[in-house]
Amino acid sequence: MVVNVSTEIILKKAKEIYGLKDFSVLEDYCSYIKMRENKKINFGTYNVLIRNRSEYNSADKLVEIIWELLKVNNILDGGYKYIEREDMKKNKRTGKIKLEEYNEKLIIIDTKRMDYSISFMRAEIKDILENCKEKIFILVDEDRVEGLINATMGEDIIWTMEIEKISRENKIDYIDKVLKRNNIKLSNSTEMVNKLAENPFWKVRNELLNIIVKCKSENICVITDEVANKKLGILHEKKVKQNNNSLEELDKMVGMQAVKKQINQILNYIKVNKKRDKMPMLHMCFLGNPRNRKNNSC
């Protein structure tokens, strides 16, 4: 594959997307862009279907990579836009589909953001693919109905890129690269790396940040299992005190049944998300009149 320097730099960034299943598809896509630009071929489309099985934001990174490739090869001269389901409907005044009125040429349809599956919206998607030929579409799909999607889209989308769940090997590779980037070497630290890799990816990133801060503050350049245990406190098990006082105090409060029920739901939500290796969203807003125990509940 012959590519220019800018494309090589972008592809190098793409290799850091953990979970990207078949990198050769992205390379073939680059070749296709180049051949279309040089008018060696005149069939197919730039549209891409991303099958995202990762819980992390790898799909967003892949969208950005595709946008950069199209931009550096002069296919695009502007940004890209994530659309809502409302944007796929026709404007009653003009009779055009709303997204046709947007300046952005690259349109992203992310089913997770819309809370709908592609199989549910396939008729609408097929309609916009057929009627908005001047736009380029990236569909981010969490649905698993592959045969149905392929049959619906037909030749409107011929490029499919897959992102798998981030594996243990991906996490170990990430740990190694990040530490090297910060001039910290690993030596006989297999136990530490394996212990970190047991965590969900979001937690690996947070733990790494703490490790780097400690290493920089104490001038540690080489991490061994001994250093990890004695100086960084990673390997020794932290004894977590089971403190049920908070729940007991909440139960003692008069009334507030809705709050008590919601707190228990939040605890269950955390347990379920931990099993799924997800970072739970726990933002809260306490509403109520003065002296209604909002601070005590917090």
Protein backbone atom coordinates (compact mmCIF):
# COMPACT_ATOMS: atom_id res chain seq x y z
CA MET A 1 0.00 0.00 0.00
CA VAL A 2 1.45 3.37 -1.07
CA VAL A 3 0.49 6.23 1.26
CA ASN A 4 1.72 9.73 1.91
CA VAL A 5 3.46 10.80 5.11
CA SER A 6 0.29 12.35 6.61
CA THR A 7 -1.66 9.13 6.05
CA GLU A 8 1.14 7.09 7.66
CA ILE A 9 0.99 9.27 10.79
CA ILE A 10 -2.80 8.82 11.02
CA LEU A 11 -2.53 5.03 10.57
CA LYS A 12 0.09 4.95 13.32
CA LYS A 13 -2.43 6.64 15.64
CA ALA A 14 -5.04 4.06 14.60
CA LYS A 15 -2.80 1.25 15.86
CA GLU A 16 -3.32 2.62 19.36
CA ILE A 17 -7.07 1.94 19.17
CA TYR A 18 -7.39 -1.09 21.40
CA GLY A 19 -9.85 -3.71 20.22
CA LEU A 20 -9.65 -2.82 16.49
CA LYS A 21 -10.07 -6.30 15.05
CA ASP A 22 -8.60 -6.21 11.52
CA PHE A 23 -6.23 -3.32 10.84
CA SER A 24 -5.88 -4.39 7.18
CA VAL A 25 -9.46 -3.19 6.49
CA LEU A 26 -8.41 0.33 7.46
CA GLU A 27 -5.35 0.05 5.20
CA ASP A 28 -7.57 -1.12 2.31
CA TYR A 29 -9.88 1.83 2.98
CA CYS A 30 -6.86 4.17 2.63
CA SER A 31 -5.96 2.56 -0.70
CA TYR A 32 -9.55 2.96 -1.88
CA ILE A 33 -9.55 6.67 -0.93
CA LYS A 34 -6.31 7.19 -2.87
CA MET A 35 -7.57 5.34 -5.96
CA ARG A 36 -10.84 7.30 -5.95
CA GLU A 37 -8.90 10.54 -5.59
CA ASN A 38 -6.64 9.59 -8.54
CA LYS A 39 -9.74 8.51 -10.54
CA LYS A 40 -8.45 4.97 -10.99
CA ILE A 41 -11.83 3.61 -9.85
CA ASN A 42 -15.30 5.19 -9.77
CA PHE A 43 -17.47 2.68 -7.88
CA GLY A 44 -18.34 2.06 -4.23
CA THR A 45 -18.78 4.60 -1.41
CA TYR A 46 -16.76 6.06 1.45
CA ASN A 47 -19.50 5.01 3.91
CA VAL A 48 -18.34 2.87 6.86
CA LEU A 49 -20.12 0.57 9.31
CA ILE A 50 -18.35 0.25 12.68
CA ARG A 51 -19.41 -2.80 14.70
CA ASN A 52 -18.55 -1.74 18.25
CA ARG A 53 -18.39 -4.41 20.96
CA SER A 54 -16.12 -2.40 23.25
CA GLU A 55 -17.39 -0.70 26.41
CA TYR A 56 -14.69 1.96 26.01
CA ASN A 57 -14.76 4.96 23.63
CA SER A 58 -12.77 3.18 20.89
CA ALA A 59 -15.50 3.82 18.29
CA ASP A 60 -15.21 7.60 18.78
CA LYS A 61 -11.47 7.36 18.20
CA LEU A 62 -11.99 5.31 15.02
CA VAL A 63 -14.51 7.89 13.75
CA GLU A 64 -11.89 10.60 14.26
CA ILE A 65 -9.25 8.51 12.40
CA ILE A 66 -11.59 8.01 9.40
CA TRP A 67 -12.39 11.75 9.38
CA GLU A 68 -8.66 12.61 9.40
CA LEU A 69 -7.98 10.17 6.52
CA LEU A 70 -10.76 11.69 4.41
CA LYS A 71 -9.63 15.21 5.22
CA VAL A 72 -5.91 14.69 4.52
CA ASN A 73 -6.81 13.14 1.14
CA ASN A 74 -9.00 16.15 0.22
CA ILE A 75 -12.30 14.26 0.31
CA LEU A 76 -13.54 16.53 3.12
CA ASP A 77 -12.80 20.15 3.94
CA GLY A 78 -14.90 20.50 7.09
CA GLY A 79 -15.81 18.74 10.30
CA TYR A 80 -18.25 15.94 11.09
CA LYS A 81 -21.57 15.79 12.91
CA TYR A 82 -23.25 13.24 15.17
CA ILE A 83 -26.96 13.34 14.42
CA GLU A 84 -30.12 12.58 16.37
CA ARG A 85 -33.06 10.57 15.10
CA GLU A 86 -34.99 13.82 14.46
CA ASP A 87 -32.33 14.80 11.89
CA MET A 88 -33.30 11.76 9.79
CA LYS A 89 -36.86 13.03 9.26
CA LYS A 90 -38.05 15.27 6.45
CA ASN A 91 -38.42 19.01 6.89
CA LYS A 92 -42.14 19.68 6.30
CA ARG A 93 -41.43 23.09 4.79
CA THR A 94 -38.69 22.11 2.30
CA GLY A 95 -39.49 18.42 1.84
CA LYS A 96 -35.80 17.60 2.36
CA ILE A 97 -34.32 15.33 5.02
CA LYS A 98 -33.08 17.63 7.81
CA LEU A 99 -29.47 16.41 7.75
CA GLU A 100 -29.20 17.47 4.08
CA GLU A 101 -29.30 21.09 5.30
CA TYR A 102 -26.18 20.68 7.47
CA ASN A 103 -22.85 22.02 6.23
CA GLU A 104 -20.93 18.98 7.47
CA LYS A 105 -20.39 16.38 4.76
CA LEU A 106 -19.45 13.56 7.17
CA ILE A 107 -22.47 12.36 9.18
CA ILE A 108 -22.17 9.98 12.15
CA ILE A 109 -25.15 7.79 13.12
CA ASP A 110 -24.35 6.31 16.54
CA THR A 111 -27.15 4.01 17.69
CA LYS A 112 -25.95 4.08 21.31
CA ARG A 113 -26.43 7.87 21.45
CA MET A 114 -29.90 7.49 19.95
CA ASP A 115 -30.95 4.57 22.17
CA TYR A 116 -32.17 2.70 19.09
CA SER A 117 -30.69 -0.29 17.28
CA ILE A 118 -29.82 -0.14 13.58
CA SER A 119 -32.22 -3.03 12.95
CA PHE A 120 -35.01 -0.86 14.41
CA MET A 121 -34.08 2.14 12.24
CA ARG A 122 -32.99 0.26 9.10
CA ALA A 123 -35.76 1.68 6.87
CA GLU A 124 -34.88 5.28 7.81
CA ILE A 125 -31.14 4.64 7.39
CA LYS A 126 -31.63 3.03 3.98
CA ASP A 127 -33.74 6.02 2.94
CA ILE A 128 -31.07 8.59 3.86
CA LEU A 129 -28.29 6.51 2.26
CA GLU A 130 -30.24 6.48 -1.00
CA ASN A 131 -31.32 10.14 -0.90
CA CYS A 132 -28.24 11.86 0.55
CA LYS A 133 -25.55 10.64 -1.86
CA GLU A 134 -23.50 13.82 -1.40
CA LYS A 135 -22.94 12.96 2.28
CA ILE A 136 -20.54 10.39 3.74
CA PHE A 137 -21.94 8.24 6.56
CA ILE A 138 -20.34 6.37 9.43
CA LEU A 139 -22.76 4.04 11.22
CA VAL A 140 -21.70 2.97 14.71
CA ASP A 141 -23.61 -0.22 15.43
CA GLU A 142 -23.96 -2.13 18.70
CA ASP A 143 -26.62 -4.40 17.23
CA ARG A 144 -25.63 -7.98 16.42
CA VAL A 145 -28.07 -8.68 13.57
CA GLU A 146 -25.31 -8.82 10.94
CA GLY A 147 -27.19 -10.56 8.13
CA LEU A 148 -30.17 -8.20 8.46
CA ILE A 149 -27.96 -5.09 8.41
CA ASN A 150 -25.91 -6.26 5.42
CA ALA A 151 -29.06 -7.15 3.47
CA THR A 152 -30.63 -3.75 4.23
CA MET A 153 -27.59 -1.60 3.42
CA GLY A 154 -26.54 -3.53 0.33
CA GLU A 155 -23.87 -1.71 -1.66
CA ASP A 156 -24.44 1.60 0.15
CA ILE A 157 -21.97 0.45 2.81
CA ILE A 158 -19.18 -1.90 1.72
CA TRP A 159 -16.66 -1.07 4.47
CA THR A 160 -17.11 -2.79 7.83
CA MET A 161 -14.65 -2.27 10.69
CA GLU A 162 -14.97 -4.20 13.95
CA ILE A 163 -13.95 -3.23 17.48
CA GLU A 164 -13.81 -6.09 19.98
CA LYS A 165 -13.90 -5.86 23.77
CA ILE A 166 -10.50 -4.75 25.11
CA SER A 167 -8.58 -7.89 26.03
CA ARG A 168 -6.13 -8.58 28.84
CA GLU A 169 -3.29 -8.52 26.28
CA ASN A 170 -4.47 -5.07 25.09
CA LYS A 171 -4.35 -3.79 28.68
CA ILE A 172 -0.83 -5.17 29.25
CA ASP A 173 0.35 -3.59 26.00
CA TYR A 174 -1.26 -0.27 27.01
CA ILE A 175 0.44 -0.32 30.44
CA ASP A 176 3.84 -0.97 28.83
CA LYS A 177 3.44 1.81 26.22
CA VAL A 178 2.19 4.46 28.64
CA LEU A 179 5.02 3.83 31.11
CA LYS A 180 7.64 3.90 28.34
CA ARG A 181 6.16 7.15 27.05
CA ASN A 182 6.76 8.60 30.52
CA ASN A 183 10.34 7.21 30.70
CA ILE A 184 9.49 4.57 33.28
CA LYS A 185 10.86 1.05 32.70
CA LEU A 186 9.38 -2.25 33.83
CA SER A 187 11.80 -4.84 35.21
CA ASN A 188 10.69 -8.14 36.76
CA SER A 189 7.28 -6.60 37.36
CA THR A 190 5.06 -9.32 35.89
CA GLU A 191 2.94 -9.62 39.03
CA MET A 192 2.21 -5.88 39.11
CA VAL A 193 1.27 -5.73 35.41
CA ASN A 194 -0.98 -8.81 35.69
CA LYS A 195 -2.70 -7.36 38.76
CA LEU A 196 -3.39 -4.08 36.95
CA ALA A 197 -4.67 -5.91 33.85
CA GLU A 198 -7.35 -7.66 35.93
CA ASN A 199 -9.18 -4.32 36.24
CA PRO A 200 -11.62 -2.75 33.76
CA PHE A 201 -9.84 -0.53 31.22
CA TRP A 202 -11.07 2.75 32.77
CA LYS A 203 -9.59 1.66 36.12
CA VAL A 204 -6.28 0.63 34.47
CA ARG A 205 -5.98 4.19 33.13
CA ASN A 206 -6.71 5.74 36.53
CA GLU A 207 -4.26 3.41 38.33
CA LEU A 208 -1.55 4.15 35.75
CA LEU A 209 -1.97 7.87 36.29
CA ASN A 210 -1.48 7.39 40.05
CA ILE A 211 1.60 5.22 39.43
CA ILE A 212 3.18 7.81 37.11
CA VAL A 213 2.54 10.63 39.60
CA LYS A 214 4.14 8.60 42.44
CA CYS A 215 7.11 7.61 40.27
CA LYS A 216 7.77 11.19 39.19
CA SER A 217 7.43 12.57 42.73
CA GLU A 218 9.84 9.95 44.15
CA ASN A 219 12.22 9.87 41.12
CA ILE A 220 11.48 6.19 40.37
CA CYS A 221 12.62 5.27 36.84
CA VAL A 222 12.43 1.47 37.07
CA ILE A 223 9.49 -0.48 38.51
CA THR A 224 10.04 -3.98 39.87
CA ASP A 225 7.52 -6.04 41.82
CA GLU A 226 9.42 -5.09 44.99
CA VAL A 227 9.16 -1.37 44.18
CA ALA A 228 5.49 -1.82 43.28
CA ASN A 229 4.87 -3.45 46.65
CA LYS A 230 6.96 -1.30 48.98
CA LYS A 231 6.92 2.16 47.40
CA LEU A 232 3.82 2.20 45.22
CA GLY A 233 1.61 -0.01 47.39
CA ILE A 234 0.13 -1.87 44.42
CA LEU A 235 0.65 -5.54 45.26
CA HIS A 236 -0.25 -5.66 48.92
CA GLU A 237 -3.95 -6.09 49.48
CA LYS A 238 -5.63 -3.06 50.94
CA LYS A 239 -7.93 -4.00 53.80
CA VAL A 240 -11.20 -2.29 53.18
CA LYS A 241 -13.32 -1.85 56.27
CA GLN A 242 -16.88 -2.87 55.76
CA ASN A 243 -18.63 0.23 57.00
CA ASN A 244 -22.39 -0.10 57.04
CA ASN A 245 -22.83 2.89 59.39
CA SER A 246 -23.89 5.14 56.50
CA LEU A 247 -26.75 2.86 55.49
CA GLU A 248 -27.75 2.43 59.14
CA GLU A 249 -27.84 6.21 59.61
CA LEU A 250 -29.94 6.58 56.47
CA ASP A 251 -32.38 3.92 57.67
CA LYS A 252 -32.77 5.73 61.01
CA MET A 253 -33.95 8.92 59.26
CA VAL A 254 -37.71 9.38 59.50
CA GLY A 255 -39.54 9.03 56.17
CA MET A 256 -37.55 9.61 52.98
CA GLN A 257 -38.57 6.20 51.63
CA ALA A 258 -37.98 7.28 48.03
CA VAL A 259 -34.38 8.32 48.82
CA LYS A 260 -33.68 5.06 50.72
CA LYS A 261 -35.05 3.02 47.83
CA GLN A 262 -32.98 4.99 45.31
CA ILE A 263 -29.74 4.55 47.31
CA ASN A 264 -30.26 0.77 47.30
CA GLN A 265 -30.90 0.88 43.54
CA ILE A 266 -27.63 2.82 43.08
CA LEU A 267 -25.71 0.19 45.10
CA ASN A 268 -27.15 -2.59 42.93
CA TYR A 269 -26.36 -0.53 39.82
CA ILE A 270 -22.70 -0.28 40.90
CA LYS A 271 -22.47 -4.04 41.53
CA VAL A 272 -23.92 -4.88 38.09
CA ASN A 273 -21.64 -2.41 36.29
CA LYS A 274 -18.57 -3.77 38.07
CA LYS A 275 -19.37 -7.22 36.70
CA ARG A 276 -19.73 -5.70 33.22
CA ASP A 277 -16.38 -3.87 33.54
CA LYS A 278 -18.13 -0.54 33.13
CA MET A 279 -17.54 2.78 34.86
CA PRO A 280 -20.94 3.64 36.37
CA MET A 281 -22.29 7.19 36.03
CA LEU A 282 -23.05 8.42 39.53
CA HIS A 283 -23.81 12.13 39.17
CA MET A 284 -26.61 13.15 41.53
CA CYS A 285 -28.78 16.15 42.30
CA PHE A 286 -30.52 16.46 45.68
CA LEU A 287 -33.65 18.61 45.55
CA GLY A 288 -35.89 19.76 48.35
CA ASN A 289 -36.87 22.57 50.70
CA PRO A 290 -34.45 23.86 53.40
CA ARG A 291 -33.92 21.60 56.47
CA ASN A 292 -35.16 18.48 54.64
CA ARG A 293 -31.95 16.47 55.39
CA LYS A 294 -30.35 16.92 51.95
CA ASN A 295 -26.87 17.39 53.46
CA ASN A 296 -27.34 14.39 55.77
CA SER A 297 -28.36 12.25 52.79
CA CYS A 298 -25.24 13.34 50.88
